[in-house]
C-alpha atoms as a PDB file:
ATOM      1  CA  MET A   1     -21.093   2.353  21.259  1.00  0.00           C
ATOM      2  CA  ILE A   2     -19.825  -0.163  23.780  1.00  0.00           C
ATOM      3  CA  ILE A   3     -17.932  -2.999  22.098  1.00  0.00           C
ATOM      4  CA  ASP A   4     -18.798  -6.248  24.321  1.00  0.00           C
ATOM      5  CA  THR A   5     -14.856  -7.847  24.430  1.00  0.00           C
ATOM      6  CA  SER A   6     -16.356 -11.089  26.013  1.00  0.00           C
ATOM      7  CA  SER A   7     -17.768 -12.165  22.443  1.00  0.00           C
ATOM      8  CA  SER A   8     -15.177 -13.522  20.128  1.00  0.00           C
ATOM      9  CA  GLU A   9     -17.380 -12.994  17.034  1.00  0.00           C
ATOM     10  CA  ILE A  10     -14.837  -9.738  16.883  1.00  0.00           C
ATOM     11  CA  PHE A  11     -11.497 -11.213  17.336  1.00  0.00           C
ATOM     12  CA  LYS A  12     -12.866 -13.997  14.509  1.00  0.00           C
ATOM     13  CA  ALA A  13     -13.654 -11.344  12.308  1.00  0.00           C
ATOM     14  CA  CYS A  14     -10.067  -9.357  12.849  1.00  0.00           C
ATOM     15  CA  ALA A  15      -8.417 -13.048  12.440  1.00  0.00           C
ATOM     16  CA  VAL A  16     -10.102 -13.433   9.091  1.00  0.00           C
ATOM     17  CA  CYS A  17      -9.313 -10.200   7.766  1.00  0.00           C
ATOM     18  CA  ILE A  18      -5.591 -10.940   8.703  1.00  0.00           C
ATOM     19  CA  SER A  19      -5.488 -13.844   6.759  1.00  0.00           C
ATOM     20  CA  GLU A  20      -7.190 -12.717   3.697  1.00  0.00           C
ATOM     21  CA  THR A  21      -4.431 -10.061   3.245  1.00  0.00           C
ATOM     22  CA  SER A  22      -1.779 -11.690   1.274  1.00  0.00           C
ATOM     23  CA  GLY A  23       1.539 -10.637   1.914  1.00  0.00           C
ATOM     24  CA  GLY A  24       2.061  -8.600  -1.430  1.00  0.00           C
ATOM     25  CA  GLN A  25      -0.694  -6.172  -0.466  1.00  0.00           C
ATOM     26  CA  LEU A  26       0.486  -6.026   3.467  1.00  0.00           C
ATOM     27  CA  ALA A  27       4.147  -5.285   1.908  1.00  0.00           C
ATOM     28  CA  LEU A  28       3.073  -2.758  -0.436  1.00  0.00           C
ATOM     29  CA  LEU A  29       0.788  -1.378   2.239  1.00  0.00           C
ATOM     30  CA  ILE A  30       4.250  -1.115   4.238  1.00  0.00           C
ATOM     31  CA  ILE A  31       5.916   0.552   1.383  1.00  0.00           C
ATOM     32  CA  VAL A  32       3.464   2.968   0.623  1.00  0.00           C
ATOM     33  CA  VAL A  33       3.323   4.093   4.476  1.00  0.00           C
ATOM     34  CA  SER A  34       6.982   4.358   4.775  1.00  0.00           C
ATOM     35  CA  LEU A  35       7.290   6.598   1.396  1.00  0.00           C
ATOM     36  CA  THR A  36       4.482   8.807   2.960  1.00  0.00           C
ATOM     37  CA  LEU A  37       6.326   8.956   6.363  1.00  0.00           C
ATOM     38  CA  LEU A  38       9.723   9.800   4.288  1.00  0.00           C
ATOM     39  CA  GLY A  39       8.081  12.507   2.290  1.00  0.00           C
ATOM     40  CA  LEU A  40       6.588  14.250   5.188  1.00  0.00           C
ATOM     41  CA  LEU A  41       9.976  13.785   7.567  1.00  0.00           C
ATOM     42  CA  ASN A  42      11.785  15.633   4.169  1.00  0.00           C
ATOM     43  CA  ARG A  43       9.472  18.475   3.856  1.00  0.00           C
ATOM     44  CA  SER A  44       9.379  19.089   7.580  1.00  0.00           C
ATOM     45  CA  TRP A  45      13.153  18.987   7.538  1.00  0.00           C
ATOM     46  CA  LYS A  46      13.828  21.336   4.404  1.00  0.00           C
ATOM     47  CA  LYS A  47      10.956  23.535   5.964  1.00  0.00           C
ATOM     48  CA  ASN A  48      12.388  23.893   9.373  1.00  0.00           C
ATOM     49  CA  PHE A  49      15.953  22.999   9.779  1.00  0.00           C
ATOM     50  CA  LYS A  50      17.517  24.134   6.297  1.00  0.00           C
ATOM     51  CA  LYS A  51      16.509  27.832   7.317  1.00  0.00           C
ATOM     52  CA  GLU A  52      18.473  27.824  10.760  1.00  0.00           C
ATOM     53  CA  GLU A  53      21.598  26.230   9.103  1.00  0.00           C
ATOM     54  CA  ASN A  54      21.742  29.341   6.250  1.00  0.00           C
ATOM     55  CA  SER A  55      20.997  31.930   8.653  1.00  0.00           C
ATOM     56  CA  SER A  56      23.540  30.674  11.117  1.00  0.00           C
ATOM     57  CA  SER A  57      26.453  30.919   8.440  1.00  0.00           C
END
């Protein structure tokens, strides 16, 4: 599927979606995504780097 970028309907639809999203919903989305990312990084840290620290001492 090819998107016609000369048509402004796509950009108007995106602007409507962004304007209808309230600040609270956006903040909640950012918080949930950041906590998920921190959880994945923490799991990765414990899995990969803690073993090296224990084996070296």
